[in-house]
Amino acid sequence: MRSPSPAAPRPPLLALYRWFNGQAWLLLVFTTLIWGCNAVAARLAVGEISPMMLTTARWSICCVALYFTSRREIAAHWRTLRPHWRYLAVMGTAGFAAFNALFYAAAHHTTAINLAIIQGTIPVLVLLGGVLFLQLRVTALQMLGVAVTLAGIVVVASRGQLAVLTGLAFNEGDVWMVIASVLYAGYMLGLRRRPAVPPIVFFAAVAAVAAIASLPLLAAEVATGQFFAPTPKGWLLMLFVGLLPSFVSQVTFIQAVSLIGPARAGVFLNLTPVFGPLLAVLILGEPLALFHAVALALVLGGIWIAEQLGAPKTARAS
């Protein structure tokens, strides 16, 4: 009797991919690193590609990537999404299209460090939104964490100067980034009503809405004479944000959540305001001022108080 032949060895790259796909911590570090890179890409894009063009291109490229990788799964669940078209329209327009339009426009007026630090306040803005609109019960320590994190926004927006604060002479880019963060926090709160479809299908639907919703913004940019053709560097940045922050990082985040759950995965999101400023200093050579360090400490400290100290014991155990 012939003995069974040994299993064929897996190709090294396939084995590495499968190993990487099973390491939740590595997937989440990679995801937050890419999201931190987005702030640097936004600054590099200034003068290379107009902000609304970048927004439209980002979600259009992402949709093309989703079509080639997930079209069968999307087609299988598409009818389930149709009754929820109003919900999807709001989520895609506010959470993706408007957020990115404000993000990339803000990059023309403020630094990548400021973009990343303000973006890092989103988890606490979600908690605050839950208190204001969903009657979410919170502890006193959680509210202290909210207050500390919001103080970090004030320090960034005022550049650590009392005169700016008292005169309300805030940088318009910082203000736009605060508005963008509030919109994305609303998007995250809206995920509670997400239709019962696979995450990649829901993401594809919202990304498609974002691509369509960004077209009027691009048309307005053209009409006002602010559009210009992308430079070669602009094309490369367009491909980067369309494939990595928009598509690949979303896939890795979804995979990580499937491995360890949303509560444990959410803790890693606090790395984004760490990676962003670090990359801004290393790649762009932006100066890290004392007020940046104070603001970052307030933001991360406030999030830690709210998520670790202030959360009820049952929530921390989940």
C-alpha atoms as a PDB file:
ATOM      1  CA  MET A   1       0.000   0.000   0.000  1.00  0.00           C
ATOM      2  CA  ARG A   2       1.408   3.359  -1.048  1.00  0.00           C
ATOM      3  CA  SER A   3       1.947   5.788   1.805  1.00  0.00           C
ATOM      4  CA  PRO A   4       0.205   9.146   1.442  1.00  0.00           C
ATOM      5  CA  SER A   5       2.358  11.833  -0.086  1.00  0.00           C
ATOM      6  CA  PRO A   6       3.364  14.654   2.240  1.00  0.00           C
ATOM      7  CA  ALA A   7       1.424  17.886   1.988  1.00  0.00           C
ATOM      8  CA  ALA A   8       2.949  20.406  -0.349  1.00  0.00           C
ATOM      9  CA  PRO A   9       4.736  23.184   1.546  1.00  0.00           C
ATOM     10  CA  ARG A  10       3.036  26.519   1.587  1.00  0.00           C
ATOM     11  CA  PRO A  11       4.713  29.319  -0.365  1.00  0.00           C
ATOM     12  CA  PRO A  12       6.661  31.535   2.065  1.00  0.00           C
ATOM     13  CA  LEU A  13       4.655  34.665   1.231  1.00  0.00           C
ATOM     14  CA  LEU A  14       1.328  32.868   1.695  1.00  0.00           C
ATOM     15  CA  ALA A  15       2.466  31.447   5.031  1.00  0.00           C
ATOM     16  CA  LEU A  16       3.624  34.908   6.134  1.00  0.00           C
ATOM     17  CA  TYR A  17       0.299  36.442   5.066  1.00  0.00           C
ATOM     18  CA  ARG A  18      -1.706  33.858   6.994  1.00  0.00           C
ATOM     19  CA  TRP A  19       0.464  34.364  10.068  1.00  0.00           C
ATOM     20  CA  PHE A  20       0.106  38.154   9.846  1.00  0.00           C
ATOM     21  CA  ASN A  21      -3.662  37.820   9.355  1.00  0.00           C
ATOM     22  CA  GLY A  22      -3.893  35.918  12.621  1.00  0.00           C
ATOM     23  CA  GLN A  23      -1.957  38.400  14.787  1.00  0.00           C
ATOM     24  CA  ALA A  24      -4.502  40.911  16.085  1.00  0.00           C
ATOM     25  CA  TRP A  25      -1.970  43.178  17.812  1.00  0.00           C
ATOM     26  CA  LEU A  26       0.156  43.397  14.668  1.00  0.00           C
ATOM     27  CA  LEU A  27      -2.870  44.100  12.486  1.00  0.00           C
ATOM     28  CA  LEU A  28      -3.940  46.919  14.821  1.00  0.00           C
ATOM     29  CA  VAL A  29      -0.485  48.484  15.069  1.00  0.00           C
ATOM     30  CA  PHE A  30      -0.274  48.402  11.264  1.00  0.00           C
ATOM     31  CA  THR A  31      -3.760  49.923  10.977  1.00  0.00           C
ATOM     32  CA  THR A  32      -3.076  52.824  13.335  1.00  0.00           C
ATOM     33  CA  LEU A  33       0.320  53.432  11.743  1.00  0.00           C
ATOM     34  CA  ILE A  34      -1.352  53.829   8.344  1.00  0.00           C
ATOM     35  CA  TRP A  35      -4.001  56.126   9.825  1.00  0.00           C
ATOM     36  CA  GLY A  36      -1.204  58.190  11.365  1.00  0.00           C
ATOM     37  CA  CYS A  37       0.409  58.360   7.915  1.00  0.00           C
ATOM     38  CA  ASN A  38      -2.782  59.910   6.540  1.00  0.00           C
ATOM     39  CA  ALA A  39      -2.096  63.171   8.403  1.00  0.00           C
ATOM     40  CA  VAL A  40       1.380  63.293   6.862  1.00  0.00           C
ATOM     41  CA  ALA A  41      -0.044  62.518   3.419  1.00  0.00           C
ATOM     42  CA  ALA A  42      -2.558  65.351   3.840  1.00  0.00           C
ATOM     43  CA  ARG A  43       0.267  67.835   4.399  1.00  0.00           C
ATOM     44  CA  LEU A  44       2.373  66.413   1.579  1.00  0.00           C
ATOM     45  CA  ALA A  45      -0.624  66.840  -0.720  1.00  0.00           C
ATOM     46  CA  VAL A  46      -0.687  70.637  -0.277  1.00  0.00           C
ATOM     47  CA  GLY A  47       0.198  72.134  -3.654  1.00  0.00           C
ATOM     48  CA  GLU A  48       0.299  68.682  -5.265  1.00  0.00           C
ATOM     49  CA  ILE A  49      -3.415  67.825  -5.486  1.00  0.00           C
ATOM     50  CA  SER A  50      -6.486  69.871  -4.559  1.00  0.00           C
ATOM     51  CA  PRO A  51      -8.306  68.698  -1.404  1.00  0.00           C
ATOM     52  CA  MET A  52     -11.681  67.854  -2.972  1.00  0.00           C
ATOM     53  CA  MET A  53      -9.964  66.017  -5.809  1.00  0.00           C
ATOM     54  CA  LEU A  54      -8.089  63.994  -3.197  1.00  0.00           C
ATOM     55  CA  THR A  55     -11.328  63.240  -1.349  1.00  0.00           C
ATOM     56  CA  THR A  56     -13.119  62.043  -4.501  1.00  0.00           C
ATOM     57  CA  ALA A  57     -10.115  60.041  -5.675  1.00  0.00           C
ATOM     58  CA  ARG A  58      -9.675  58.429  -2.263  1.00  0.00           C
ATOM     59  CA  TRP A  59     -13.123  56.867  -2.163  1.00  0.00           C
ATOM     60  CA  SER A  60     -13.271  56.119  -5.884  1.00  0.00           C
ATOM     61  CA  ILE A  61     -10.009  54.151  -5.719  1.00  0.00           C
ATOM     62  CA  CYS A  62     -11.227  52.400  -2.593  1.00  0.00           C
ATOM     63  CA  CYS A  63     -14.446  51.368  -4.347  1.00  0.00           C
ATOM     64  CA  VAL A  64     -12.474  49.930  -7.274  1.00  0.00           C
ATOM     65  CA  ALA A  65     -10.346  47.903  -4.848  1.00  0.00           C
ATOM     66  CA  LEU A  66     -13.473  46.662  -3.062  1.00  0.00           C
ATOM     67  CA  TYR A  67     -15.038  45.637  -6.370  1.00  0.00           C
ATOM     68  CA  PHE A  68     -12.078  43.440  -7.317  1.00  0.00           C
ATOM     69  CA  THR A  69     -11.679  41.857  -3.875  1.00  0.00           C
ATOM     70  CA  SER A  70     -15.188  41.615  -2.409  1.00  0.00           C
ATOM     71  CA  ARG A  71     -17.705  41.911  -5.248  1.00  0.00           C
ATOM     72  CA  ARG A  72     -19.233  38.454  -4.688  1.00  0.00           C
ATOM     73  CA  GLU A  73     -19.842  39.051  -0.992  1.00  0.00           C
ATOM     74  CA  ILE A  74     -21.214  42.527  -1.737  1.00  0.00           C
ATOM     75  CA  ALA A  75     -23.572  41.157  -4.400  1.00  0.00           C
ATOM     76  CA  ALA A  76     -24.830  38.450  -2.023  1.00  0.00           C
ATOM     77  CA  HIS A  77     -25.916  40.983   0.612  1.00  0.00           C
ATOM     78  CA  TRP A  78     -26.798  44.012  -1.505  1.00  0.00           C
ATOM     79  CA  ARG A  79     -30.558  43.563  -1.269  1.00  0.00           C
ATOM     80  CA  THR A  80     -30.361  43.578   2.528  1.00  0.00           C
ATOM     81  CA  LEU A  81     -28.903  47.086   2.397  1.00  0.00           C
ATOM     82  CA  ARG A  82     -31.455  48.630   0.030  1.00  0.00           C
ATOM     83  CA  PRO A  83     -34.103  49.433   2.694  1.00  0.00           C
ATOM     84  CA  HIS A  84     -31.426  51.279   4.681  1.00  0.00           C
ATOM     85  CA  TRP A  85     -30.419  53.677   1.901  1.00  0.00           C
ATOM     86  CA  ARG A  86     -31.220  56.839   3.910  1.00  0.00           C
ATOM     87  CA  TYR A  87     -29.088  55.661   6.813  1.00  0.00           C
ATOM     88  CA  LEU A  88     -26.236  54.736   4.464  1.00  0.00           C
ATOM     89  CA  ALA A  89     -26.494  58.112   2.731  1.00  0.00           C
ATOM     90  CA  VAL A  90     -26.046  59.981   6.012  1.00  0.00           C
ATOM     91  CA  MET A  91     -23.220  57.734   7.197  1.00  0.00           C
ATOM     92  CA  GLY A  92     -21.270  57.923   3.949  1.00  0.00           C
ATOM     93  CA  THR A  93     -21.794  61.649   3.429  1.00  0.00           C
ATOM     94  CA  ALA A  94     -21.006  62.834   6.954  1.00  0.00           C
ATOM     95  CA  GLY A  95     -18.664  60.133   8.231  1.00  0.00           C
ATOM     96  CA  PHE A  96     -16.513  59.644   5.153  1.00  0.00           C
ATOM     97  CA  ALA A  97     -16.980  62.346   2.484  1.00  0.00           C
ATOM     98  CA  ALA A  98     -17.395  65.407   4.720  1.00  0.00           C
ATOM     99  CA  PHE A  99     -14.841  64.168   7.245  1.00  0.00           C
ATOM    100  CA  ASN A 100     -12.162  63.701   4.597  1.00  0.00           C
ATOM    101  CA  ALA A 101     -13.019  66.936   2.784  1.00  0.00           C
ATOM    102  CA  LEU A 102     -12.552  68.899   6.021  1.00  0.00           C
ATOM    103  CA  PHE A 103      -9.458  66.850   6.919  1.00  0.00           C
ATOM    104  CA  TYR A 104      -7.662  67.530   3.635  1.00  0.00           C
ATOM    105  CA  ALA A 105      -8.797  71.163   3.524  1.00  0.00           C
ATOM    106  CA  ALA A 106      -7.578  71.660   7.098  1.00  0.00           C
ATOM    107  CA  ALA A 107      -4.132  70.397   6.069  1.00  0.00           C
ATOM    108  CA  HIS A 108      -3.693  73.582   4.007  1.00  0.00           C
ATOM    109  CA  HIS A 109      -3.864  75.681   7.174  1.00  0.00           C
ATOM    110  CA  THR A 110      -2.443  73.620  10.034  1.00  0.00           C
ATOM    111  CA  THR A 111       0.271  71.066  10.740  1.00  0.00           C
ATOM    112  CA  ALA A 112       0.133  67.286  10.538  1.00  0.00           C
ATOM    113  CA  ILE A 113       0.881  67.206  14.265  1.00  0.00           C
ATOM    114  CA  ASN A 114      -2.249  69.238  14.993  1.00  0.00           C
ATOM    115  CA  LEU A 115      -4.316  67.092  12.623  1.00  0.00           C
ATOM    116  CA  ALA A 116      -3.250  63.887  14.363  1.00  0.00           C
ATOM    117  CA  ILE A 117      -3.690  65.182  17.908  1.00  0.00           C
ATOM    118  CA  ILE A 118      -7.182  66.572  17.245  1.00  0.00           C
ATOM    119  CA  GLN A 119      -8.173  63.389  15.413  1.00  0.00           C
ATOM    120  CA  GLY A 120      -7.059  61.460  18.492  1.00  0.00           C
ATOM    121  CA  THR A 121      -9.894  62.992  20.500  1.00  0.00           C
ATOM    122  CA  ILE A 122     -12.551  61.089  18.543  1.00  0.00           C
ATOM    123  CA  PRO A 123     -12.977  58.243  21.109  1.00  0.00           C
ATOM    124  CA  VAL A 124     -13.815  60.765  23.832  1.00  0.00           C
ATOM    125  CA  LEU A 125     -16.095  62.726  21.489  1.00  0.00           C
ATOM    126  CA  VAL A 126     -17.963  59.458  20.906  1.00  0.00           C
ATOM    127  CA  LEU A 127     -18.379  59.054  24.662  1.00  0.00           C
ATOM    128  CA  LEU A 128     -19.593  62.652  24.980  1.00  0.00           C
ATOM    129  CA  GLY A 129     -22.028  62.169  22.114  1.00  0.00           C
ATOM    130  CA  GLY A 130     -23.379  59.057  23.783  1.00  0.00           C
ATOM    131  CA  VAL A 131     -24.082  61.075  26.919  1.00  0.00           C
ATOM    132  CA  LEU A 132     -25.763  63.942  25.063  1.00  0.00           C
ATOM    133  CA  PHE A 133     -27.827  62.047  22.491  1.00  0.00           C
ATOM    134  CA  LEU A 134     -28.158  58.429  23.620  1.00  0.00           C
ATOM    135  CA  GLN A 135     -28.610  58.946  27.369  1.00  0.00           C
ATOM    136  CA  LEU A 136     -25.519  56.820  27.959  1.00  0.00           C
ATOM    137  CA  ARG A 137     -24.735  56.481  31.644  1.00  0.00           C
ATOM    138  CA  VAL A 138     -21.174  57.404  32.519  1.00  0.00           C
ATOM    139  CA  THR A 139     -19.105  57.624  35.664  1.00  0.00           C
ATOM    140  CA  ALA A 140     -17.591  60.773  37.140  1.00  0.00           C
ATOM    141  CA  LEU A 141     -14.129  59.620  36.079  1.00  0.00           C
ATOM    142  CA  GLN A 142     -15.301  59.176  32.504  1.00  0.00           C
ATOM    143  CA  MET A 143     -16.563  62.755  32.464  1.00  0.00           C
ATOM    144  CA  LEU A 144     -13.227  63.852  33.929  1.00  0.00           C
ATOM    145  CA  GLY A 145     -11.531  62.054  31.041  1.00  0.00           C
ATOM    146  CA  VAL A 146     -13.765  63.914  28.583  1.00  0.00           C
ATOM    147  CA  ALA A 147     -12.875  67.245  30.189  1.00  0.00           C
ATOM    148  CA  VAL A 148      -9.137  66.497  30.149  1.00  0.00           C
ATOM    149  CA  THR A 149      -9.222  65.446  26.492  1.00  0.00           C
ATOM    150  CA  LEU A 150     -11.214  68.526  25.464  1.00  0.00           C
ATOM    151  CA  ALA A 151      -8.615  70.612  27.289  1.00  0.00           C
ATOM    152  CA  GLY A 152      -6.079  69.049  24.923  1.00  0.00           C
ATOM    153  CA  ILE A 153      -8.077  70.365  21.948  1.00  0.00           C
ATOM    154  CA  VAL A 154      -8.075  73.846  23.494  1.00  0.00           C
ATOM    155  CA  VAL A 155      -4.292  73.729  23.970  1.00  0.00           C
ATOM    156  CA  VAL A 156      -3.741  72.693  20.337  1.00  0.00           C
ATOM    157  CA  ALA A 157      -6.194  75.216  18.894  1.00  0.00           C
ATOM    158  CA  SER A 158      -4.807  78.080  21.001  1.00  0.00           C
ATOM    159  CA  ARG A 159      -1.185  77.025  20.380  1.00  0.00           C
ATOM    160  CA  GLY A 160      -0.708  77.277  24.127  1.00  0.00           C
ATOM    161  CA  GLN A 161      -1.261  81.040  24.085  1.00  0.00           C
ATOM    162  CA  LEU A 162      -3.844  82.659  26.345  1.00  0.00           C
ATOM    163  CA  ALA A 163      -4.186  85.621  23.978  1.00  0.00           C
ATOM    164  CA  VAL A 164      -5.377  83.326  21.188  1.00  0.00           C
ATOM    165  CA  LEU A 165      -7.891  81.733  23.532  1.00  0.00           C
ATOM    166  CA  THR A 166      -9.306  84.997  24.868  1.00  0.00           C
ATOM    167  CA  GLY A 167      -9.404  86.582  21.403  1.00  0.00           C
ATOM    168  CA  LEU A 168     -10.921  83.470  19.775  1.00  0.00           C
ATOM    169  CA  ALA A 169      -8.279  83.802  17.042  1.00  0.00           C
ATOM    170  CA  PHE A 170      -8.109  80.086  16.296  1.00  0.00           C
ATOM    171  CA  ASN A 171      -6.401  78.620  13.258  1.00  0.00           C
ATOM    172  CA  GLU A 172      -9.138  77.803  10.736  1.00  0.00           C
ATOM    173  CA  GLY A 173      -7.497  74.481   9.913  1.00  0.00           C
ATOM    174  CA  ASP A 174      -7.718  73.420  13.562  1.00  0.00           C
ATOM    175  CA  VAL A 175     -11.367  74.468  13.677  1.00  0.00           C
ATOM    176  CA  TRP A 176     -12.157  72.460  10.539  1.00  0.00           C
ATOM    177  CA  MET A 177     -10.385  69.451  12.031  1.00  0.00           C
ATOM    178  CA  VAL A 178     -12.472  69.722  15.199  1.00  0.00           C
ATOM    179  CA  ILE A 179     -15.645  69.784  13.081  1.00  0.00           C
ATOM    180  CA  ALA A 180     -14.373  66.795  11.084  1.00  0.00           C
ATOM    181  CA  SER A 181     -13.713  64.867  14.294  1.00  0.00           C
ATOM    182  CA  VAL A 182     -17.212  65.639  15.569  1.00  0.00           C
ATOM    183  CA  LEU A 183     -18.671  64.313  12.294  1.00  0.00           C
ATOM    184  CA  TYR A 184     -16.674  61.107  12.540  1.00  0.00           C
ATOM    185  CA  ALA A 185     -17.682  60.671  16.168  1.00  0.00           C
ATOM    186  CA  GLY A 186     -21.299  60.914  14.970  1.00  0.00           C
ATOM    187  CA  TYR A 187     -20.520  58.253  12.368  1.00  0.00           C
ATOM    188  CA  MET A 188     -19.172  55.945  15.071  1.00  0.00           C
ATOM    189  CA  LEU A 189     -22.272  56.480  17.198  1.00  0.00           C
ATOM    190  CA  GLY A 190     -24.388  55.692  14.153  1.00  0.00           C
ATOM    191  CA  LEU A 191     -22.703  52.292  13.822  1.00  0.00           C
ATOM    192  CA  ARG A 192     -25.021  51.084  16.583  1.00  0.00           C
ATOM    193  CA  ARG A 193     -27.742  50.913  13.915  1.00  0.00           C
ATOM    194  CA  ARG A 194     -25.591  49.165  11.311  1.00  0.00           C
ATOM    195  CA  PRO A 195     -27.560  46.679   9.164  1.00  0.00           C
ATOM    196  CA  ALA A 196     -26.906  42.989   9.775  1.00  0.00           C
ATOM    197  CA  VAL A 197     -24.461  42.418   6.929  1.00  0.00           C
ATOM    198  CA  PRO A 198     -20.755  41.484   6.931  1.00  0.00           C
ATOM    199  CA  PRO A 199     -18.535  44.462   7.876  1.00  0.00           C
ATOM    200  CA  ILE A 200     -16.834  44.584   4.481  1.00  0.00           C
ATOM    201  CA  VAL A 201     -20.236  44.844   2.744  1.00  0.00           C
ATOM    202  CA  PHE A 202     -21.323  47.710   4.991  1.00  0.00           C
ATOM    203  CA  PHE A 203     -17.986  49.449   4.442  1.00  0.00           C
ATOM    204  CA  ALA A 204     -18.327  49.073   0.671  1.00  0.00           C
ATOM    205  CA  ALA A 205     -21.787  50.655   0.728  1.00  0.00           C
ATOM    206  CA  VAL A 206     -20.645  53.618   2.810  1.00  0.00           C
ATOM    207  CA  ALA A 207     -17.520  54.063   0.668  1.00  0.00           C
ATOM    208  CA  ALA A 208     -19.674  54.109  -2.486  1.00  0.00           C
ATOM    209  CA  VAL A 209     -21.896  56.793  -0.949  1.00  0.00           C
ATOM    210  CA  ALA A 210     -18.795  58.805  -0.012  1.00  0.00           C
ATOM    211  CA  ALA A 211     -17.461  58.633  -3.571  1.00  0.00           C
ATOM    212  CA  ILE A 212     -20.778  59.922  -4.943  1.00  0.00           C
ATOM    213  CA  ALA A 213     -21.282  62.529  -2.203  1.00  0.00           C
ATOM    214  CA  SER A 214     -17.823  63.974  -2.845  1.00  0.00           C
ATOM    215  CA  LEU A 215     -18.638  64.806  -6.471  1.00  0.00           C
ATOM    216  CA  PRO A 216     -20.580  68.025  -5.674  1.00  0.00           C
ATOM    217  CA  LEU A 217     -17.644  69.129  -3.505  1.00  0.00           C
ATOM    218  CA  LEU A 218     -15.279  68.515  -6.412  1.00  0.00           C
ATOM    219  CA  ALA A 219     -17.617  70.409  -8.751  1.00  0.00           C
ATOM    220  CA  ALA A 220     -17.665  73.350  -6.322  1.00  0.00           C
ATOM    221  CA  GLU A 221     -13.880  73.284  -6.199  1.00  0.00           C
ATOM    222  CA  VAL A 222     -13.733  73.457  -9.994  1.00  0.00           C
ATOM    223  CA  ALA A 223     -16.379  76.221 -10.154  1.00  0.00           C
ATOM    224  CA  THR A 224     -14.516  78.396  -7.652  1.00  0.00           C
ATOM    225  CA  GLY A 225     -11.221  78.016  -9.496  1.00  0.00           C
ATOM    226  CA  GLN A 226      -9.484  76.135  -6.688  1.00  0.00           C
ATOM    227  CA  PHE A 227      -9.045  72.896  -8.626  1.00  0.00           C
ATOM    228  CA  PHE A 228      -5.737  72.098 -10.285  1.00  0.00           C
ATOM    229  CA  ALA A 229      -4.426  68.990 -12.023  1.00  0.00           C
ATOM    230  CA  PRO A 230      -2.456  66.667  -9.729  1.00  0.00           C
ATOM    231  CA  THR A 231       1.314  66.683 -10.048  1.00  0.00           C
ATOM    232  CA  PRO A 232       3.186  63.348 -10.346  1.00  0.00           C
ATOM    233  CA  LYS A 233       3.623  63.452  -6.566  1.00  0.00           C
ATOM    234  CA  GLY A 234      -0.085  64.212  -6.243  1.00  0.00           C
ATOM    235  CA  TRP A 235      -0.978  61.087  -8.234  1.00  0.00           C
ATOM    236  CA  LEU A 236       1.199  58.962  -5.959  1.00  0.00           C
ATOM    237  CA  LEU A 237      -0.408  60.459  -2.854  1.00  0.00           C
ATOM    238  CA  MET A 238      -3.830  59.869  -4.373  1.00  0.00           C
ATOM    239  CA  LEU A 239      -3.028  56.182  -4.859  1.00  0.00           C
ATOM    240  CA  PHE A 240      -1.590  55.951  -1.338  1.00  0.00           C
ATOM    241  CA  VAL A 241      -4.637  57.364   0.461  1.00  0.00           C
ATOM    242  CA  GLY A 242      -7.017  55.447  -1.807  1.00  0.00           C
ATOM    243  CA  LEU A 243      -5.376  52.090  -1.206  1.00  0.00           C
ATOM    244  CA  LEU A 244      -3.841  52.185   2.270  1.00  0.00           C
ATOM    245  CA  PRO A 245      -5.746  54.488   4.689  1.00  0.00           C
ATOM    246  CA  SER A 246      -9.031  53.886   2.848  1.00  0.00           C
ATOM    247  CA  PHE A 247      -8.932  50.227   1.870  1.00  0.00           C
ATOM    248  CA  VAL A 248      -6.126  48.087   3.309  1.00  0.00           C
ATOM    249  CA  SER A 249      -6.258  49.550   6.829  1.00  0.00           C
ATOM    250  CA  GLN A 250     -10.033  49.076   6.958  1.00  0.00           C
ATOM    251  CA  VAL A 251      -9.642  45.419   5.976  1.00  0.00           C
ATOM    252  CA  THR A 252      -6.930  44.841   8.606  1.00  0.00           C
ATOM    253  CA  PHE A 253      -9.035  46.569  11.262  1.00  0.00           C
ATOM    254  CA  ILE A 254     -12.086  44.449  10.420  1.00  0.00           C
ATOM    255  CA  GLN A 255      -9.931  41.311  10.615  1.00  0.00           C
ATOM    256  CA  ALA A 256      -8.477  42.353  13.991  1.00  0.00           C
ATOM    257  CA  VAL A 257     -11.948  43.030  15.404  1.00  0.00           C
ATOM    258  CA  SER A 258     -13.043  39.556  14.271  1.00  0.00           C
ATOM    259  CA  LEU A 259     -10.113  38.080  16.225  1.00  0.00           C
ATOM    260  CA  ILE A 260     -10.360  39.910  19.563  1.00  0.00           C
ATOM    261  CA  GLY A 261     -13.621  41.884  19.504  1.00  0.00           C
ATOM    262  CA  PRO A 262     -14.348  45.624  19.199  1.00  0.00           C
ATOM    263  CA  ALA A 263     -13.693  46.524  22.852  1.00  0.00           C
ATOM    264  CA  ARG A 264     -10.110  45.240  22.950  1.00  0.00           C
ATOM    265  CA  ALA A 265      -9.397  46.413  19.401  1.00  0.00           C
ATOM    266  CA  GLY A 266     -10.662  49.916  20.195  1.00  0.00           C
ATOM    267  CA  VAL A 267      -7.895  50.440  22.751  1.00  0.00           C
ATOM    268  CA  PHE A 268      -5.301  50.327  19.951  1.00  0.00           C
ATOM    269  CA  LEU A 269      -6.927  53.309  18.205  1.00  0.00           C
ATOM    270  CA  ASN A 270      -5.206  55.502  20.783  1.00  0.00           C
ATOM    271  CA  LEU A 271      -1.959  54.848  18.912  1.00  0.00           C
ATOM    272  CA  THR A 272      -3.081  57.057  16.001  1.00  0.00           C
ATOM    273  CA  PRO A 273      -2.384  60.392  17.786  1.00  0.00           C
ATOM    274  CA  VAL A 274       1.002  58.963  18.782  1.00  0.00           C
ATOM    275  CA  PHE A 275       2.073  57.770  15.328  1.00  0.00           C
ATOM    276  CA  GLY A 276       0.794  60.911  13.567  1.00  0.00           C
ATOM    277  CA  PRO A 277       2.962  63.485  15.388  1.00  0.00           C
ATOM    278  CA  LEU A 278       5.966  61.136  15.391  1.00  0.00           C
ATOM    279  CA  LEU A 279       5.753  60.671  11.615  1.00  0.00           C
ATOM    280  CA  ALA A 280       5.194  64.409  11.108  1.00  0.00           C
ATOM    281  CA  VAL A 281       8.453  65.119  12.922  1.00  0.00           C
ATOM    282  CA  LEU A 282      10.421  62.352  11.168  1.00  0.00           C
ATOM    283  CA  ILE A 283       9.079  62.777   7.626  1.00  0.00           C
ATOM    284  CA  LEU A 284       7.998  66.417   7.396  1.00  0.00           C
ATOM    285  CA  GLY A 285      10.459  67.871   9.877  1.00  0.00           C
ATOM    286  CA  GLU A 286       7.657  69.691  11.711  1.00  0.00           C
ATOM    287  CA  PRO A 287       8.776  71.162  15.039  1.00  0.00           C
ATOM    288  CA  LEU A 288       7.270  69.558  18.122  1.00  0.00           C
ATOM    289  CA  ALA A 289       6.555  72.479  20.448  1.00  0.00           C
ATOM    290  CA  LEU A 290       5.968  72.257  24.183  1.00  0.00           C
ATOM    291  CA  PHE A 291       2.241  72.925  23.733  1.00  0.00           C
ATOM    292  CA  HIS A 292       2.048  69.910  21.398  1.00  0.00           C
ATOM    293  CA  ALA A 293       3.516  67.689  24.093  1.00  0.00           C
ATOM    294  CA  VAL A 294       1.114  69.108  26.687  1.00  0.00           C
ATOM    295  CA  ALA A 295      -1.877  68.666  24.360  1.00  0.00           C
ATOM    296  CA  LEU A 296      -0.888  65.092  23.463  1.00  0.00           C
ATOM    297  CA  ALA A 297      -0.485  64.238  27.141  1.00  0.00           C
ATOM    298  CA  LEU A 298      -3.933  65.692  27.879  1.00  0.00           C
ATOM    299  CA  VAL A 299      -5.574  63.845  24.989  1.00  0.00           C
ATOM    300  CA  LEU A 300      -4.027  60.467  25.769  1.00  0.00           C
ATOM    301  CA  GLY A 301      -4.419  60.983  29.512  1.00  0.00           C
ATOM    302  CA  GLY A 302      -8.075  61.888  29.147  1.00  0.00           C
ATOM    303  CA  ILE A 303      -8.739  58.853  26.969  1.00  0.00           C
ATOM    304  CA  TRP A 304      -6.959  56.610  29.486  1.00  0.00           C
ATOM    305  CA  ILE A 305      -8.989  58.020  32.364  1.00  0.00           C
ATOM    306  CA  ALA A 306     -12.245  57.589  30.447  1.00  0.00           C
ATOM    307  CA  GLU A 307     -11.532  54.117  29.058  1.00  0.00           C
ATOM    308  CA  GLN A 308      -9.508  52.464  31.819  1.00  0.00           C
ATOM    309  CA  LEU A 309     -10.191  54.194  35.130  1.00  0.00           C
ATOM    310  CA  GLY A 310     -13.679  55.504  34.513  1.00  0.00           C
ATOM    311  CA  ALA A 311     -15.249  52.553  32.694  1.00  0.00           C
ATOM    312  CA  PRO A 312     -17.420  50.236  34.817  1.00  0.00           C
ATOM    313  CA  LYS A 313     -15.738  46.985  35.821  1.00  0.00           C
ATOM    314  CA  THR A 314     -17.998  44.918  33.568  1.00  0.00           C
ATOM    315  CA  ALA A 315     -17.032  47.059  30.580  1.00  0.00           C
ATOM    316  CA  ARG A 316     -13.312  46.731  31.331  1.00  0.00           C
ATOM    317  CA  ALA A 317     -13.642  42.982  31.585  1.00  0.00           C
ATOM    318  CA  SER A 318     -15.285  42.642  28.181  1.00  0.00           C
END
